[in-house]
Protein backbone atom coordinates (compact mmCIF):
# COMPACT_ATOMS: atom_id res chain seq x y z
CA MET A 1 0.10 0.08 -0.22
CA THR A 2 1.42 3.13 -1.05
CA THR A 3 2.21 6.09 0.74
CA ILE A 4 -0.76 8.05 -1.53
CA LYS A 5 -2.72 5.51 -0.61
CA GLU A 6 -2.61 5.34 2.81
CA PRO A 7 -5.79 7.57 4.03
CA LEU A 8 -6.58 8.95 7.64
CA VAL A 9 -8.86 6.91 9.23
CA SER A 10 -10.18 8.70 12.56
CA ILE A 11 -11.31 6.08 15.04
CA ILE A 12 -14.13 7.61 17.45
CA VAL A 13 -14.03 6.40 21.05
CA PRO A 14 -16.32 7.99 23.64
CA VAL A 15 -14.86 7.43 27.05
CA TYR A 16 -17.45 7.13 30.52
CA ASN A 17 -16.39 4.86 33.42
CA VAL A 18 -14.46 2.53 32.06
CA ASP A 19 -11.84 2.60 33.75
CA LEU A 20 -11.12 -1.64 33.82
CA TYR A 21 -11.99 -1.62 30.08
CA ILE A 22 -9.99 1.10 28.60
CA ASP A 23 -6.82 -0.09 28.29
CA ALA A 24 -7.64 -3.20 26.73
CA CYS A 25 -9.68 -1.57 23.75
CA LEU A 26 -7.11 1.38 22.94
CA ASN A 27 -4.24 -1.22 22.79
CA SER A 28 -5.95 -3.23 20.58
CA ILE A 29 -6.59 0.01 18.17
CA LYS A 30 -3.08 1.22 18.93
CA HIS A 31 -1.77 -2.25 17.28
CA GLN A 32 -3.48 -1.88 13.76
CA THR A 33 -1.51 -3.17 11.71
CA TYR A 34 -2.75 0.13 9.24
CA LYS A 35 -0.79 2.78 10.94
CA ASN A 36 -2.23 5.97 9.63
CA ILE A 37 -4.45 6.51 11.96
CA GLU A 38 -5.99 9.03 14.37
CA ILE A 39 -7.99 7.80 17.26
CA VAL A 40 -10.68 10.50 18.88
CA VAL A 41 -11.20 9.41 22.87
CA VAL A 42 -13.95 11.51 24.15
CA GLU A 43 -13.72 11.87 27.77
CA ASP A 44 -17.64 12.80 29.19
CA CYS A 45 -17.04 13.46 32.55
CA SER A 46 -16.34 9.98 34.31
CA THR A 47 -16.57 9.49 37.75
CA ASP A 48 -14.45 6.49 38.03
CA ASN A 49 -10.75 6.70 37.15
CA SER A 50 -10.92 6.28 33.43
CA ARG A 51 -9.34 9.58 33.04
CA GLN A 52 -5.85 8.50 34.80
CA VAL A 53 -6.04 5.21 33.04
CA LEU A 54 -5.94 7.36 29.81
CA GLN A 55 -2.86 9.27 30.66
CA PRO A 56 -0.31 6.91 29.90
CA HIS A 57 -1.98 6.02 26.31
CA LEU A 58 -1.36 10.52 25.43
CA LYS A 59 2.09 9.42 24.63
CA ASP A 60 0.80 8.24 21.43
CA ASP A 61 0.93 11.15 19.10
CA ARG A 62 -2.24 9.57 17.24
CA ILE A 63 -4.39 9.59 20.37
CA LYS A 64 -6.27 13.45 20.05
CA LEU A 65 -8.09 13.44 23.77
CA VAL A 66 -11.47 15.54 24.02
CA GLN A 67 -12.73 16.35 27.03
CA HIS A 68 -16.26 17.30 27.65
CA GLU A 69 -17.14 19.99 30.29
CA LYS A 70 -20.17 17.59 31.45
CA ASN A 71 -21.27 14.62 31.28
CA SER A 72 -23.73 14.78 28.72
CA GLY A 73 -24.17 10.72 26.60
CA LEU A 74 -23.15 8.23 24.74
CA SER A 75 -25.00 10.19 21.69
CA ALA A 76 -23.27 13.44 22.17
CA ALA A 77 -19.85 12.04 22.71
CA ARG A 78 -20.07 10.48 19.51
CA ASN A 79 -21.34 13.42 17.79
CA THR A 80 -17.86 15.49 19.38
CA GLY A 81 -16.39 12.89 17.59
CA ILE A 82 -17.65 13.45 14.52
CA GLU A 83 -16.75 16.88 14.38
CA SER A 84 -13.13 16.59 15.86
CA ALA A 85 -12.24 13.95 13.15
CA ILE A 86 -10.34 15.26 10.28
CA GLY A 87 -9.91 11.49 8.57
CA GLU A 88 -10.68 10.60 4.90
CA TYR A 89 -13.08 7.95 7.20
CA MET A 90 -14.21 7.40 10.40
CA MET A 91 -15.46 4.73 12.22
CA PHE A 92 -16.80 4.30 16.10
CA VAL A 93 -15.40 1.52 18.64
CA ASP A 94 -17.19 1.68 22.24
CA SER A 95 -15.02 1.94 25.11
CA ASP A 96 -15.39 -2.02 26.48
CA ASP A 97 -14.44 -3.93 23.75
CA ILE A 98 -11.78 -4.72 21.67
CA VAL A 99 -10.83 -5.30 17.60
CA ASP A 100 -8.79 -7.20 15.70
CA SER A 101 -5.55 -5.72 14.51
CA ARG A 102 -6.04 -6.33 10.85
CA LEU A 103 -9.51 -4.11 10.76
CA VAL A 104 -8.95 -0.98 9.63
CA ALA A 105 -5.98 -2.81 6.95
CA ALA A 106 -8.94 -4.48 5.37
CA CYS A 107 -11.39 -1.76 5.76
CA VAL A 108 -9.17 0.69 4.10
CA GLU A 109 -7.93 -2.41 1.80
CA CYS A 110 -11.97 -2.34 0.79
CA ALA A 111 -12.74 0.72 -0.02
CA ILE A 112 -9.91 1.88 -1.89
CA LYS A 113 -10.44 -1.41 -4.15
CA THR A 114 -14.41 -0.27 -4.14
CA ASN A 115 -14.58 2.93 -3.68
CA ALA A 116 -17.20 2.21 -0.68
CA GLU A 117 -19.19 4.94 1.11
CA VAL A 118 -20.08 2.05 4.17
CA ILE A 119 -17.93 -0.75 4.86
CA THR A 120 -19.84 -3.16 7.40
CA TYR A 121 -18.22 -6.36 9.20
CA GLY A 122 -19.34 -8.59 11.80
CA PHE A 123 -18.63 -9.34 15.66
CA THR A 124 -18.14 -11.59 18.07
CA PRO A 125 -19.54 -11.33 21.38
CA PHE A 126 -17.38 -12.28 24.62
CA GLU A 127 -18.34 -12.76 28.76
CA ASP A 128 -17.17 -10.02 30.45
CA GLY A 129 -14.25 -12.18 32.56
CA LEU A 130 -12.60 -13.67 29.66
CA GLU A 131 -8.60 -13.58 29.89
CA ASP A 132 -7.06 -12.17 26.12
CA THR A 133 -5.78 -15.58 26.29
CA GLU A 134 -9.87 -16.67 26.24
CA LEU A 135 -11.15 -14.09 23.68
CA PRO A 136 -12.31 -15.24 20.83
CA TYR A 137 -9.61 -13.70 17.91
CA LEU A 138 -10.01 -14.65 14.33
CA ALA A 139 -7.69 -17.25 12.29
CA GLU A 140 -4.37 -15.94 11.53
CA ASN A 141 -4.61 -17.17 7.88
CA LEU A 142 -7.55 -15.06 7.35
CA VAL A 143 -9.15 -14.46 3.89
CA ILE A 144 -10.77 -11.59 3.15
CA GLU A 145 -12.61 -11.12 0.56
CA SER A 146 -15.74 -8.48 0.45
CA GLY A 147 -19.11 -8.22 -1.21
CA GLN A 148 -21.52 -5.21 -2.08
CA GLU A 149 -24.47 -4.91 -0.10
CA ASN A 150 -27.90 -3.71 -1.62
CA HIS A 151 -31.02 -3.75 0.52
CA ALA A 152 -28.70 -6.35 2.61
CA TYR A 153 -27.79 -3.66 4.84
CA PHE A 154 -30.82 -2.69 6.10
CA ASP A 155 -31.00 -5.72 7.72
CA LEU A 156 -27.58 -5.36 9.65
CA PRO A 157 -26.98 -5.01 13.31
CA HIS A 158 -27.90 -1.08 13.41
CA PHE A 159 -24.73 -1.08 15.76
CA ALA A 160 -22.67 2.28 15.31
CA TRP A 161 -19.19 0.32 15.47
CA LEU A 162 -20.07 -2.25 12.94
CA LYS A 163 -19.35 0.79 10.02
CA PHE A 164 -16.65 2.28 8.50
CA ILE A 165 -17.47 5.26 6.73
CA ARG A 166 -16.41 7.90 4.20
CA SER A 167 -16.27 10.90 5.98
CA SER A 168 -18.08 13.10 3.35
CA VAL A 169 -20.67 11.10 3.76
CA VAL A 170 -21.01 11.28 7.36
CA LYS A 171 -20.55 15.40 6.55
CA SER A 172 -22.36 16.09 3.64
CA ALA A 173 -26.25 14.01 5.10
CA SER A 174 -24.97 15.87 7.93
CA LEU A 175 -25.63 12.65 10.46
CA HIS A 176 -25.36 12.70 13.91
CA PHE A 177 -26.71 10.78 16.90
CA PRO A 178 -30.04 11.66 18.71
CA VAL A 179 -29.25 12.85 21.57
CA GLY A 180 -31.44 12.37 24.98
CA LEU A 181 -32.52 9.01 23.43
CA TYR A 182 -31.17 5.24 24.14
CA TYR A 183 -31.12 3.27 21.02
CA GLU A 184 -29.03 5.91 18.83
CA ASP A 185 -27.51 4.02 16.22
CA TRP A 186 -30.93 2.69 15.02
CA PRO A 187 -31.19 6.66 13.02
CA PHE A 188 -28.00 6.77 12.71
CA HIS A 189 -27.88 3.28 10.77
CA TRP A 190 -30.82 3.75 8.38
CA HIS A 191 -29.75 7.76 7.48
CA LEU A 192 -26.37 6.16 6.59
CA GLY A 193 -28.12 3.66 4.48
CA LEU A 194 -30.41 5.87 2.93
CA SER A 195 -27.93 8.71 1.81
CA THR A 196 -24.95 6.26 0.20
CA LYS A 197 -25.16 3.52 -2.49
CA VAL A 198 -21.73 1.72 -2.78
CA ARG A 199 -22.30 -0.37 0.08
CA TYR A 200 -19.62 -3.61 0.64
CA GLU A 201 -19.82 -6.00 3.51
CA LEU A 202 -16.63 -7.68 5.06
CA PRO A 203 -17.98 -11.50 6.36
CA ASN A 204 -15.62 -10.96 9.12
CA TYR A 205 -15.88 -11.07 12.51
CA PHE A 206 -13.28 -7.82 13.21
CA TYR A 207 -14.86 -7.32 16.21
CA LEU A 208 -15.37 -8.42 19.52
CA TYR A 209 -18.65 -6.83 21.89
CA ARG A 210 -17.82 -7.10 25.38
CA GLN A 211 -20.83 -8.82 27.17
CA ARG A 212 -21.80 -7.47 30.28
CA GLY A 213 -24.52 -6.79 33.09
CA THR A 214 -25.59 -3.12 32.79
CA SER A 215 -25.71 -3.18 28.97
CA ILE A 216 -28.60 -1.40 27.56
CA THR A 217 -29.54 -4.30 25.36
CA GLY A 218 -30.76 -6.39 28.25
CA SER A 219 -32.37 -3.62 29.53
CA THR A 220 -36.06 -4.64 30.80
CA GLY A 221 -37.12 -0.56 32.44
CA GLU A 222 -38.37 2.49 31.40
CA LYS A 223 -35.19 3.05 29.01
CA LEU A 224 -36.62 0.67 26.12
CA LEU A 225 -39.65 3.07 25.81
CA ASP A 226 -37.43 5.32 23.71
CA LEU A 227 -37.44 2.56 21.24
CA PHE A 228 -40.97 3.83 20.18
CA VAL A 229 -39.64 7.48 19.60
CA ILE A 230 -36.19 6.29 17.95
CA HIS A 231 -38.84 3.86 15.10
CA SER A 232 -40.71 7.42 14.62
CA LYS A 233 -37.65 9.21 13.74
CA VAL A 234 -36.49 6.09 11.14
CA MET A 235 -39.82 6.20 9.41
CA SER A 236 -39.79 9.79 8.75
CA LEU A 237 -36.44 9.12 7.51
CA VAL A 238 -37.29 6.78 4.84
CA GLN A 239 -40.86 8.65 3.97
CA TYR A 240 -37.84 11.72 3.07
CA TYR A 241 -35.78 9.66 1.46
CA GLN A 242 -39.12 7.91 -0.19
CA ALA A 243 -37.02 4.67 0.01
CA ASP A 244 -39.96 2.20 -0.24
CA GLU A 245 -37.65 -0.44 -1.50
CA VAL A 246 -36.80 -0.69 2.15
CA THR A 247 -40.24 -0.74 4.33
CA LYS A 248 -40.84 -4.18 4.38
CA ILE A 249 -37.41 -4.30 6.41
CA LEU A 250 -38.23 -1.26 8.14
CA ALA A 251 -41.72 -2.94 8.99
CA ASN A 252 -40.26 -6.29 10.30
CA LYS A 253 -37.70 -4.42 12.90
CA ILE A 254 -40.27 -2.41 13.74
CA ILE A 255 -42.57 -5.47 14.97
CA GLN A 256 -39.90 -7.28 16.24
CA SER A 257 -39.58 -4.99 18.54
CA HIS A 258 -42.23 -4.25 19.30
CA TRP A 259 -42.26 -8.10 20.33
CA SER A 260 -39.21 -7.97 22.17
CA ILE A 261 -40.37 -4.06 24.12
CA LEU A 262 -44.00 -5.66 24.91
CA THR A 263 -43.09 -9.29 26.85
CA ARG A 264 -40.57 -8.22 28.60
CA ILE A 265 -40.84 -4.41 29.15
CA ASP A 266 -41.15 -3.93 33.24
CA ALA A 267 -44.96 -4.04 34.51
CA GLN A 268 -44.94 -0.78 35.37
CA TYR A 269 -44.27 0.07 32.16
CA LEU A 270 -46.75 -2.03 30.07
CA SER A 271 -49.34 0.12 29.64
CA ALA A 272 -47.49 2.89 28.52
CA ALA A 273 -45.37 0.58 26.08
CA LEU A 274 -48.74 -0.89 24.84
CA ALA A 275 -50.28 2.88 24.11
CA GLU A 276 -47.09 3.41 22.00
CA ALA A 277 -47.01 0.31 20.04
CA LYS A 278 -50.78 1.51 18.96
CA ASN A 279 -49.50 4.62 17.72
CA SER A 280 -46.40 3.12 15.84
CA GLU A 281 -49.03 0.69 14.56
CA LYS A 282 -51.45 3.17 12.97
CA LEU A 283 -48.18 5.37 11.28
CA MET A 284 -47.06 1.94 9.96
CA LYS A 285 -50.66 1.62 8.67
CA LEU A 286 -50.43 5.65 7.08
CA TYR A 287 -47.84 5.04 5.37
CA LYS A 288 -48.85 1.64 4.51
CA TYR A 289 -45.60 -0.49 5.43
CA GLU A 290 -46.15 -4.60 4.90
CA SER A 291 -44.82 -6.95 7.15
CA THR A 292 -43.28 -10.38 6.70
CA PRO A 293 -45.67 -12.69 8.11
CA ASN A 294 -44.55 -15.20 10.76
CA LEU A 295 -45.93 -16.03 14.08
CA ARG A 296 -44.04 -13.59 15.94
CA ASN A 297 -45.07 -11.04 14.28
CA ASN A 298 -49.02 -12.53 13.94
CA ILE A 299 -49.17 -12.95 17.66
CA ILE A 300 -48.20 -9.68 18.52
CA THR A 301 -49.74 -7.47 15.82
CA THR A 302 -53.24 -9.34 16.61
CA ILE A 303 -53.01 -7.52 20.03
CA VAL A 304 -51.45 -4.65 19.68
CA ASN A 305 -54.67 -3.98 17.44
CA LEU A 306 -57.26 -5.83 19.68
CA PRO A 307 -60.29 -3.34 21.29
CA ASN A 308 -58.40 -1.48 23.86
CA SER A 309 -61.06 -3.02 26.77
CA ILE A 310 -59.02 -6.35 25.90
CA ASP A 311 -55.31 -5.87 24.79
CA LEU A 312 -54.26 -5.34 27.67
CA THR A 313 -55.50 -8.60 29.44
CA ALA A 314 -54.31 -10.55 26.39
CA LEU A 315 -50.75 -9.36 26.11
CA LYS A 316 -50.57 -10.08 30.22
CA ILE A 317 -52.03 -13.86 29.25
CA LEU A 318 -49.32 -13.69 26.33
CA ARG A 319 -46.28 -12.45 28.83
CA ALA A 320 -47.72 -15.37 31.31
CA ALA A 321 -47.61 -17.99 29.01
CA LEU A 322 -44.37 -17.47 27.91
CA LYS A 323 -42.65 -17.55 31.12
CA VAL A 324 -44.22 -20.69 31.88
CA LYS A 325 -42.48 -21.58 28.56
CA ALA A 326 -39.04 -20.18 30.13
CA VAL A 327 -39.55 -22.17 33.35
CA PHE A 328 -40.06 -25.87 31.83
CA LYS A 329 -37.43 -25.22 29.12
CA ALA A 330 -35.09 -23.95 32.18
CA LYS A 331 -36.07 -27.58 34.25
CA GLN A 332 -35.45 -29.63 30.97
CA ASN A 333 -31.96 -28.12 30.60
């Protein structure tokens, strides 16, 4: 790879209360085989020892530390990173995760060969507490072959950290993460896909995702209600871009999300969640969205469309049945 073909890559790392993990994360980025990188660390006013742990890493002149004046959340930290990044390409790494040393090199090579605006790749989850030798690293004799994505991109996981992006796309489309909401990766994922035409996938699991007990993905509380706001934002984006060809994918994802929310949200938020799901269903009907019929989609859609006098009762019966099933399955195991 010649110097001319070594574009600067900005790697954005939001940091908040990750003193146990930031060393492993930054070391995995610093040891990338591709060296022309800047590491934009956005410190979001941690209350643990994260800032102290960061100090030795600042000796690497590729690391740019941006300090927030007040804690503003993950979305704001990522947005700050976007504003601070100067690379021709950018990507995100969460500060408790780890990346394979070949990730950036593979993405740059693919971008140069294909002129891709977005490159996606896979991830492997691992349990918090594993030793370095136990981590699920890829084989050394890895074969890297990219494939072009069309609408398949929209079926992919929404995570921002599974994307290598041409920075000019982010700037021209004014891509950002919604501040003050959880599940912020949804609108970014869709907006990015709707704003680009040349998308490629590396079918390699370059990203190691740490599963922690505090993860938002396992929430059963009030945070789940934010998903309904997020769904509305994404539907508005699809309408704005008149992207009728992806509405079925979105409808399936929203209905699957309804199932997840309504079957596991804490009981005190169940009525509010059901009311939001009804509003979402009305909006999908207005936009003439059609989903793929399957058992879960049919069950949850039927319940959401029941009259107000019986919908909550039907939902509670479903939740009780699922609990019985889970107990039975656990006893069998």
